[in-house]
C-alpha cells in the first residue's frame, strides 16, 4: 500500500478496530507497513534489526522475511502470547543485553507511552545502534483520541474515571493503569527532547497513519497533541 494514501490509512484503521478479535491480522499488517517505511532508507536484507518491546514478534518476523537478522527483546513474557520465535530474548528496554553499536536498526513500535522514563529508553536505543544506523520509534501520545488505549476516548475526562467506566461497561479489568503501564507522553516535549540530542539527527517526524501530508500536524503546536494520533520518529545515529 502506498504511504501515505487514503486506502492505506483506511485499511490500517479497520485492522486496528478489530485488533482485539483478530490481533494476528492487525499486527501482521502493521509489521508489513513498518518494514515498507524502513525500506525507504535502504534494504533490510543483511541488516541487524532489533525490535524492542515487540510483543508477539510480528515485526521481527516480517523483518526476517525480508532478509534481516532480526531479534526481539521483550520484557513481559505475557506479551509473547505463547509465541517463542527464534531470536526472542526476555530483556528490559532500559538495559538491553547488547554491545554498543550492535544493531543497524533499532525498532520500537507503540512502546514509548508504556515506559516511565522515555528519555532513558531512547538513549538505550541509540546506544545499541551503530553510527549511521536508524532508530524507528512510534508512540500514541496522551491527547490522541486513542491516548487512553482501551478506555479511550474517555481519558479526556480523567484517566481513573475512564478506567472505571471501561470496567463497568465490559465487566473485565482494564489492561492499562495510568502511572503503572501507561504514561502521559506528548508530541511537543518529545520533539524538543530528540532535537536537542547531539548523538542523533531527526530524519523524519510525522503522523504515522495520516493519509495526506503526514509531516504537517506534528509542526503545529497544540493542534499536534490531538491531531497527530500516533507520532513516527526516524532518527539517524550520528558518527
C-alpha atoms as a PDB file:
ATOM      1  CA  UNK A   1       0.000   0.000   0.000  1.00  0.00           C
ATOM      2  CA  UNK A   2       1.300   3.419  -0.899  1.00  0.00           C
ATOM      3  CA  UNK A   3       2.301   5.532   2.091  1.00  0.00           C
ATOM      4  CA  UNK A   4       0.687   7.988   2.575  1.00  0.00           C
ATOM      5  CA  UNK A   5      -2.624   7.188   0.922  1.00  0.00           C
ATOM      6  CA  UNK A   6      -6.267   7.139   1.943  1.00  0.00           C
ATOM      7  CA  UNK A   7      -6.525   3.441   1.092  1.00  0.00           C
ATOM      8  CA  UNK A   8      -3.597   2.592   3.375  1.00  0.00           C
ATOM      9  CA  UNK A   9      -4.997   4.633   6.266  1.00  0.00           C
ATOM     10  CA  UNK A  10      -8.459   3.110   5.975  1.00  0.00           C
ATOM     11  CA  UNK A  11      -7.017  -0.424   5.798  1.00  0.00           C
ATOM     12  CA  UNK A  12      -4.870   0.113   8.886  1.00  0.00           C
ATOM     13  CA  UNK A  13      -7.733   1.726  10.802  1.00  0.00           C
ATOM     14  CA  UNK A  14     -10.082  -1.157  10.044  1.00  0.00           C
ATOM     15  CA  UNK A  15      -7.465  -3.639  11.199  1.00  0.00           C
ATOM     16  CA  UNK A  16      -6.962  -1.616  14.376  1.00  0.00           C
ATOM     17  CA  UNK A  17     -10.687  -1.667  15.152  1.00  0.00           C
ATOM     18  CA  UNK A  18     -10.541  -5.482  15.010  1.00  0.00           C
ATOM     19  CA  UNK A  19      -7.294  -5.753  16.976  1.00  0.00           C
ATOM     20  CA  UNK A  20      -8.970  -7.472  19.944  1.00  0.00           C
ATOM     21  CA  UNK A  21     -10.747 -10.093  17.834  1.00  0.00           C
ATOM     22  CA  UNK A  22      -8.030 -10.636  15.208  1.00  0.00           C
ATOM     23  CA  UNK A  23      -4.675  -9.465  16.594  1.00  0.00           C
ATOM     24  CA  UNK A  24      -2.606 -11.560  14.179  1.00  0.00           C
ATOM     25  CA  UNK A  25      -4.082  -9.820  11.145  1.00  0.00           C
ATOM     26  CA  UNK A  26      -3.720  -6.387  12.745  1.00  0.00           C
ATOM     27  CA  UNK A  27      -0.085  -6.765  13.768  1.00  0.00           C
ATOM     28  CA  UNK A  28       0.973  -8.582  10.606  1.00  0.00           C
ATOM     29  CA  UNK A  29      -0.418  -5.669   8.599  1.00  0.00           C
ATOM     30  CA  UNK A  30       1.337  -3.113  10.821  1.00  0.00           C
ATOM     31  CA  UNK A  31       4.577  -5.071  10.502  1.00  0.00           C
ATOM     32  CA  UNK A  32       4.459  -5.029   6.707  1.00  0.00           C
ATOM     33  CA  UNK A  33       3.707  -1.327   6.765  1.00  0.00           C
ATOM     34  CA  UNK A  34       6.597  -0.570   9.132  1.00  0.00           C
ATOM     35  CA  UNK A  35       9.004  -2.660   7.063  1.00  0.00           C
ATOM     36  CA  UNK A  36       7.925  -0.760   3.949  1.00  0.00           C
ATOM     37  CA  UNK A  37       8.616   2.524   5.753  1.00  0.00           C
ATOM     38  CA  UNK A  38      12.099   1.407   6.775  1.00  0.00           C
ATOM     39  CA  UNK A  39      12.949   0.156   3.292  1.00  0.00           C
ATOM     40  CA  UNK A  40      12.595   3.703   2.013  1.00  0.00           C
ATOM     41  CA  UNK A  41      16.018   4.213   3.583  1.00  0.00           C
ATOM     42  CA  UNK A  42      17.611   1.070   2.228  1.00  0.00           C
ATOM     43  CA  UNK A  43      17.041  -2.688   2.022  1.00  0.00           C
ATOM     44  CA  UNK A  44      16.557  -4.661   5.210  1.00  0.00           C
ATOM     45  CA  UNK A  45      18.310  -7.722   3.797  1.00  0.00           C
ATOM     46  CA  UNK A  46      21.527  -8.408   5.663  1.00  0.00           C
ATOM     47  CA  UNK A  47      20.858  -5.769   8.327  1.00  0.00           C
ATOM     48  CA  UNK A  48      20.787  -6.430  12.063  1.00  0.00           C
ATOM     49  CA  UNK A  49      17.395  -5.202  13.305  1.00  0.00           C
ATOM     50  CA  UNK A  50      16.453  -5.259  16.984  1.00  0.00           C
ATOM     51  CA  UNK A  51      12.783  -4.928  17.925  1.00  0.00           C
ATOM     52  CA  UNK A  52      12.384  -3.634  21.473  1.00  0.00           C
ATOM     53  CA  UNK A  53       9.011  -4.330  23.085  1.00  0.00           C
ATOM     54  CA  UNK A  54       7.595  -6.064  20.018  1.00  0.00           C
ATOM     55  CA  UNK A  55       5.298  -8.371  21.968  1.00  0.00           C
ATOM     56  CA  UNK A  56       4.197 -11.348  19.908  1.00  0.00           C
ATOM     57  CA  UNK A  57       7.019 -10.906  17.396  1.00  0.00           C
ATOM     58  CA  UNK A  58       5.135  -9.955  14.222  1.00  0.00           C
ATOM     59  CA  UNK A  59       7.556  -7.141  13.427  1.00  0.00           C
ATOM     60  CA  UNK A  60      10.670  -9.240  13.981  1.00  0.00           C
ATOM     61  CA  UNK A  61       9.208 -11.995  11.806  1.00  0.00           C
ATOM     62  CA  UNK A  62       8.440  -9.566   8.983  1.00  0.00           C
ATOM     63  CA  UNK A  63      11.964  -8.121   9.092  1.00  0.00           C
ATOM     64  CA  UNK A  64      13.332 -11.655   8.976  1.00  0.00           C
ATOM     65  CA  UNK A  65      11.162 -12.453   5.942  1.00  0.00           C
ATOM     66  CA  UNK A  66      12.842  -9.546   4.191  1.00  0.00           C
ATOM     67  CA  UNK A  67      16.276 -10.939   4.849  1.00  0.00           C
ATOM     68  CA  UNK A  68      17.221  -9.089   8.036  1.00  0.00           C
ATOM     69  CA  UNK A  69      18.939 -10.635  11.041  1.00  0.00           C
ATOM     70  CA  UNK A  70      16.123  -9.750  13.402  1.00  0.00           C
ATOM     71  CA  UNK A  71      15.873 -10.145  17.169  1.00  0.00           C
ATOM     72  CA  UNK A  72      13.035  -9.420  19.593  1.00  0.00           C
ATOM     73  CA  UNK A  73      13.659  -8.038  23.091  1.00  0.00           C
ATOM     74  CA  UNK A  74      10.502  -8.162  25.203  1.00  0.00           C
ATOM     75  CA  UNK A  75      10.325  -7.569  28.988  1.00  0.00           C
ATOM     76  CA  UNK A  76       6.901  -9.151  29.610  1.00  0.00           C
ATOM     77  CA  UNK A  77       6.515 -12.852  28.882  1.00  0.00           C
ATOM     78  CA  UNK A  78       2.727 -12.429  28.736  1.00  0.00           C
ATOM     79  CA  UNK A  79       3.067 -10.188  25.696  1.00  0.00           C
ATOM     80  CA  UNK A  80       4.655 -13.030  23.744  1.00  0.00           C
ATOM     81  CA  UNK A  81       1.213 -14.717  23.710  1.00  0.00           C
ATOM     82  CA  UNK A  82       2.783 -18.135  23.684  1.00  0.00           C
ATOM     83  CA  UNK A  83       4.849 -17.378  20.584  1.00  0.00           C
ATOM     84  CA  UNK A  84       8.514 -18.258  21.054  1.00  0.00           C
ATOM     85  CA  UNK A  85      10.088 -17.456  17.717  1.00  0.00           C
ATOM     86  CA  UNK A  86      13.840 -17.793  17.370  1.00  0.00           C
ATOM     87  CA  UNK A  87      15.785 -14.707  18.264  1.00  0.00           C
ATOM     88  CA  UNK A  88      13.461 -13.808  21.159  1.00  0.00           C
ATOM     89  CA  UNK A  89      15.063 -12.544  24.365  1.00  0.00           C
ATOM     90  CA  UNK A  90      13.365 -11.551  27.627  1.00  0.00           C
ATOM     91  CA  UNK A  91      15.015  -8.235  28.420  1.00  0.00           C
ATOM     92  CA  UNK A  92      14.378  -4.788  29.864  1.00  0.00           C
ATOM     93  CA  UNK A  93      14.385  -1.991  27.293  1.00  0.00           C
ATOM     94  CA  UNK A  94      16.244   0.249  29.744  1.00  0.00           C
ATOM     95  CA  UNK A  95      19.186  -2.172  29.845  1.00  0.00           C
ATOM     96  CA  UNK A  96      19.485  -4.231  26.677  1.00  0.00           C
ATOM     97  CA  UNK A  97      21.955  -7.143  26.657  1.00  0.00           C
ATOM     98  CA  UNK A  98      23.677  -5.762  23.558  1.00  0.00           C
ATOM     99  CA  UNK A  99      27.060  -4.188  22.905  1.00  0.00           C
ATOM    100  CA  UNK A 100      27.291  -0.570  21.841  1.00  0.00           C
ATOM    101  CA  UNK A 101      26.511  -0.206  18.139  1.00  0.00           C
ATOM    102  CA  UNK A 102      25.413  -3.835  17.726  1.00  0.00           C
ATOM    103  CA  UNK A 103      22.369  -3.049  15.534  1.00  0.00           C
ATOM    104  CA  UNK A 104      21.940  -1.407  12.158  1.00  0.00           C
ATOM    105  CA  UNK A 105      18.340  -0.555  13.054  1.00  0.00           C
ATOM    106  CA  UNK A 106      16.682  -0.237  16.455  1.00  0.00           C
ATOM    107  CA  UNK A 107      12.911  -0.508  16.217  1.00  0.00           C
ATOM    108  CA  UNK A 108      10.171   0.273  18.720  1.00  0.00           C
ATOM    109  CA  UNK A 109       6.500   0.439  17.765  1.00  0.00           C
ATOM    110  CA  UNK A 110       3.961   1.817  20.255  1.00  0.00           C
ATOM    111  CA  UNK A 111       6.140   1.262  23.302  1.00  0.00           C
ATOM    112  CA  UNK A 112       7.207   4.744  24.402  1.00  0.00           C
ATOM    113  CA  UNK A 113       3.869   5.519  26.069  1.00  0.00           C
ATOM    114  CA  UNK A 114       4.338   2.420  28.233  1.00  0.00           C
ATOM    115  CA  UNK A 115       7.699   3.391  29.760  1.00  0.00           C
ATOM    116  CA  UNK A 116       8.024   5.719  32.733  1.00  0.00           C
ATOM    117  CA  UNK A 117      11.295   7.268  31.540  1.00  0.00           C
ATOM    118  CA  UNK A 118      11.165   7.691  27.734  1.00  0.00           C
ATOM    119  CA  UNK A 119      14.430   9.655  27.674  1.00  0.00           C
ATOM    120  CA  UNK A 120      16.416   6.763  29.163  1.00  0.00           C
ATOM    121  CA  UNK A 121      14.618   4.295  26.889  1.00  0.00           C
ATOM    122  CA  UNK A 122      15.516   6.341  23.796  1.00  0.00           C
ATOM    123  CA  UNK A 123      19.117   6.652  24.934  1.00  0.00           C
ATOM    124  CA  UNK A 124      19.355   2.876  25.172  1.00  0.00           C
ATOM    125  CA  UNK A 125      18.021   2.513  21.618  1.00  0.00           C
ATOM    126  CA  UNK A 126      20.635   4.993  20.449  1.00  0.00           C
ATOM    127  CA  UNK A 127      23.418   3.240  22.358  1.00  0.00           C
ATOM    128  CA  UNK A 128      22.863  -0.120  20.673  1.00  0.00           C
ATOM    129  CA  UNK A 129      22.598   1.431  17.186  1.00  0.00           C
ATOM    130  CA  UNK A 130      25.712   1.651  15.021  1.00  0.00           C
ATOM    131  CA  UNK A 131      26.834   5.067  13.724  1.00  0.00           C
ATOM    132  CA  UNK A 132      24.842   5.830  10.603  1.00  0.00           C
ATOM    133  CA  UNK A 133      22.123   3.388  11.649  1.00  0.00           C
ATOM    134  CA  UNK A 134      18.439   4.168  12.134  1.00  0.00           C
ATOM    135  CA  UNK A 135      16.212   4.351  15.204  1.00  0.00           C
ATOM    136  CA  UNK A 136      12.494   3.866  14.433  1.00  0.00           C
ATOM    137  CA  UNK A 137      10.160   4.924  17.243  1.00  0.00           C
ATOM    138  CA  UNK A 138       6.402   5.409  17.157  1.00  0.00           C
ATOM    139  CA  UNK A 139       4.015   6.109  20.010  1.00  0.00           C
ATOM    140  CA  UNK A 140       0.443   7.104  20.779  1.00  0.00           C
ATOM    141  CA  UNK A 141       0.519  10.436  22.587  1.00  0.00           C
ATOM    142  CA  UNK A 142      -1.728  11.082  25.583  1.00  0.00           C
ATOM    143  CA  UNK A 143      -4.063  13.616  23.941  1.00  0.00           C
ATOM    144  CA  UNK A 144      -4.562  11.451  20.866  1.00  0.00           C
ATOM    145  CA  UNK A 145      -8.143  10.138  20.553  1.00  0.00           C
ATOM    146  CA  UNK A 146      -6.571   6.733  21.364  1.00  0.00           C
ATOM    147  CA  UNK A 147      -4.301   8.003  24.137  1.00  0.00           C
ATOM    148  CA  UNK A 148      -6.243   6.133  26.800  1.00  0.00           C
ATOM    149  CA  UNK A 149      -5.939   2.880  24.826  1.00  0.00           C
ATOM    150  CA  UNK A 150      -8.819   0.535  25.661  1.00  0.00           C
ATOM    151  CA  UNK A 151     -10.587   3.198  27.731  1.00  0.00           C
ATOM    152  CA  UNK A 152     -10.273   5.952  25.098  1.00  0.00           C
ATOM    153  CA  UNK A 153     -11.664   8.498  24.345  1.00  0.00           C
ATOM    154  CA  UNK A 154     -12.985   8.852  27.898  1.00  0.00           C
ATOM    155  CA  UNK A 155      -9.459   9.594  29.128  1.00  0.00           C
ATOM    156  CA  UNK A 156     -10.170  13.209  28.200  1.00  0.00           C
ATOM    157  CA  UNK A 157     -12.470  13.293  31.242  1.00  0.00           C
ATOM    158  CA  UNK A 158      -9.852  11.769  33.533  1.00  0.00           C
ATOM    159  CA  UNK A 159      -7.858   8.560  33.484  1.00  0.00           C
ATOM    160  CA  UNK A 160      -9.334   6.921  36.578  1.00  0.00           C
ATOM    161  CA  UNK A 161     -12.888   7.805  35.592  1.00  0.00           C
ATOM    162  CA  UNK A 162     -12.281   6.369  32.098  1.00  0.00           C
ATOM    163  CA  UNK A 163     -10.792   3.193  33.533  1.00  0.00           C
ATOM    164  CA  UNK A 164     -13.727   2.612  35.888  1.00  0.00           C
ATOM    165  CA  UNK A 165     -16.191   3.245  33.064  1.00  0.00           C
ATOM    166  CA  UNK A 166     -14.440   0.658  30.884  1.00  0.00           C
ATOM    167  CA  UNK A 167     -14.578  -1.940  33.651  1.00  0.00           C
ATOM    168  CA  UNK A 168     -18.271  -1.287  34.364  1.00  0.00           C
ATOM    169  CA  UNK A 169     -19.163  -1.477  30.694  1.00  0.00           C
ATOM    170  CA  UNK A 170     -17.161  -4.597  29.811  1.00  0.00           C
ATOM    171  CA  UNK A 171     -17.195  -6.485  33.104  1.00  0.00           C
ATOM    172  CA  UNK A 172     -13.443  -7.112  32.936  1.00  0.00           C
ATOM    173  CA  UNK A 173     -10.322  -5.459  34.267  1.00  0.00           C
ATOM    174  CA  UNK A 174      -8.625  -2.849  32.129  1.00  0.00           C
ATOM    175  CA  UNK A 175      -5.213  -3.848  30.814  1.00  0.00           C
ATOM    176  CA  UNK A 176      -3.703  -0.417  31.405  1.00  0.00           C
ATOM    177  CA  UNK A 177      -3.381   1.705  34.522  1.00  0.00           C
ATOM    178  CA  UNK A 178      -2.032   5.236  34.284  1.00  0.00           C
ATOM    179  CA  UNK A 179       1.252   5.542  36.115  1.00  0.00           C
ATOM    180  CA  UNK A 180       1.905   1.792  36.070  1.00  0.00           C
ATOM    181  CA  UNK A 181       1.986   0.584  32.467  1.00  0.00           C
ATOM    182  CA  UNK A 182       0.669   3.651  30.635  1.00  0.00           C
ATOM    183  CA  UNK A 183       2.101   7.159  30.913  1.00  0.00           C
ATOM    184  CA  UNK A 184       1.267  10.619  29.633  1.00  0.00           C
ATOM    185  CA  UNK A 185       3.573  11.439  26.730  1.00  0.00           C
ATOM    186  CA  UNK A 186       3.305  14.482  24.492  1.00  0.00           C
ATOM    187  CA  UNK A 187       4.388  15.365  20.965  1.00  0.00           C
ATOM    188  CA  UNK A 188       5.920  18.756  21.697  1.00  0.00           C
ATOM    189  CA  UNK A 189       8.118  17.716  24.616  1.00  0.00           C
ATOM    190  CA  UNK A 190       9.267  14.560  22.809  1.00  0.00           C
ATOM    191  CA  UNK A 191      10.241  16.507  19.681  1.00  0.00           C
ATOM    192  CA  UNK A 192      12.182  19.024  21.772  1.00  0.00           C
ATOM    193  CA  UNK A 193      13.963  16.185  23.514  1.00  0.00           C
ATOM    194  CA  UNK A 194      15.077  14.366  20.372  1.00  0.00           C
ATOM    195  CA  UNK A 195      16.055  17.591  18.585  1.00  0.00           C
ATOM    196  CA  UNK A 196      18.267  18.585  21.487  1.00  0.00           C
ATOM    197  CA  UNK A 197      20.301  15.379  21.263  1.00  0.00           C
ATOM    198  CA  UNK A 198      23.797  15.599  19.806  1.00  0.00           C
ATOM    199  CA  UNK A 199      24.130  11.874  19.094  1.00  0.00           C
ATOM    200  CA  UNK A 200      21.215  11.643  16.627  1.00  0.00           C
ATOM    201  CA  UNK A 201      19.625  13.632  13.836  1.00  0.00           C
ATOM    202  CA  UNK A 202      15.909  13.606  13.066  1.00  0.00           C
ATOM    203  CA  UNK A 203      15.285  12.042   9.665  1.00  0.00           C
ATOM    204  CA  UNK A 204      11.502  12.336   9.861  1.00  0.00           C
ATOM    205  CA  UNK A 205       8.825  13.269  12.371  1.00  0.00           C
ATOM    206  CA  UNK A 206       5.362  12.541  11.032  1.00  0.00           C
ATOM    207  CA  UNK A 207       1.867  11.366  11.839  1.00  0.00           C
ATOM    208  CA  UNK A 208       2.241   7.637  11.300  1.00  0.00           C
ATOM    209  CA  UNK A 209      -1.235   6.934   9.927  1.00  0.00           C
ATOM    210  CA  UNK A 210      -2.229  10.175   8.210  1.00  0.00           C
ATOM    211  CA  UNK A 211      -3.351   9.718   4.588  1.00  0.00           C
ATOM    212  CA  UNK A 212      -2.163  13.165   3.440  1.00  0.00           C
ATOM    213  CA  UNK A 213       0.731  15.479   4.316  1.00  0.00           C
ATOM    214  CA  UNK A 214       1.799  13.452   7.371  1.00  0.00           C
ATOM    215  CA  UNK A 215       4.581  15.881   8.259  1.00  0.00           C
ATOM    216  CA  UNK A 216       2.233  18.831   8.776  1.00  0.00           C
ATOM    217  CA  UNK A 217       0.386  18.024  12.026  1.00  0.00           C
ATOM    218  CA  UNK A 218       3.496  17.496  14.205  1.00  0.00           C
ATOM    219  CA  UNK A 219       4.706  21.003  13.320  1.00  0.00           C
ATOM    220  CA  UNK A 220       1.693  22.845  14.736  1.00  0.00           C
ATOM    221  CA  UNK A 221       1.819  23.433  18.499  1.00  0.00           C
ATOM    222  CA  UNK A 222      -1.255  22.388  20.483  1.00  0.00           C
ATOM    223  CA  UNK A 223      -3.061  21.014  17.416  1.00  0.00           C
ATOM    224  CA  UNK A 224      -0.415  18.297  17.084  1.00  0.00           C
ATOM    225  CA  UNK A 225      -1.266  16.912  20.504  1.00  0.00           C
ATOM    226  CA  UNK A 226      -4.773  16.000  19.309  1.00  0.00           C
ATOM    227  CA  UNK A 227      -4.426  15.574  15.541  1.00  0.00           C
ATOM    228  CA  UNK A 228      -1.237  13.535  15.191  1.00  0.00           C
ATOM    229  CA  UNK A 229      -2.773  10.400  16.800  1.00  0.00           C
ATOM    230  CA  UNK A 230       0.484   8.478  16.571  1.00  0.00           C
ATOM    231  CA  UNK A 231       3.908  10.043  16.056  1.00  0.00           C
ATOM    232  CA  UNK A 232       6.546   8.298  13.968  1.00  0.00           C
ATOM    233  CA  UNK A 233      10.148   9.338  14.549  1.00  0.00           C
ATOM    234  CA  UNK A 234      13.034   8.036  12.493  1.00  0.00           C
ATOM    235  CA  UNK A 235      16.407   9.113  13.830  1.00  0.00           C
ATOM    236  CA  UNK A 236      19.880   8.504  12.473  1.00  0.00           C
ATOM    237  CA  UNK A 237      22.759   7.759  14.844  1.00  0.00           C
ATOM    238  CA  UNK A 238      25.488  10.332  14.332  1.00  0.00           C
ATOM    239  CA  UNK A 239      29.070   9.140  13.683  1.00  0.00           C
END
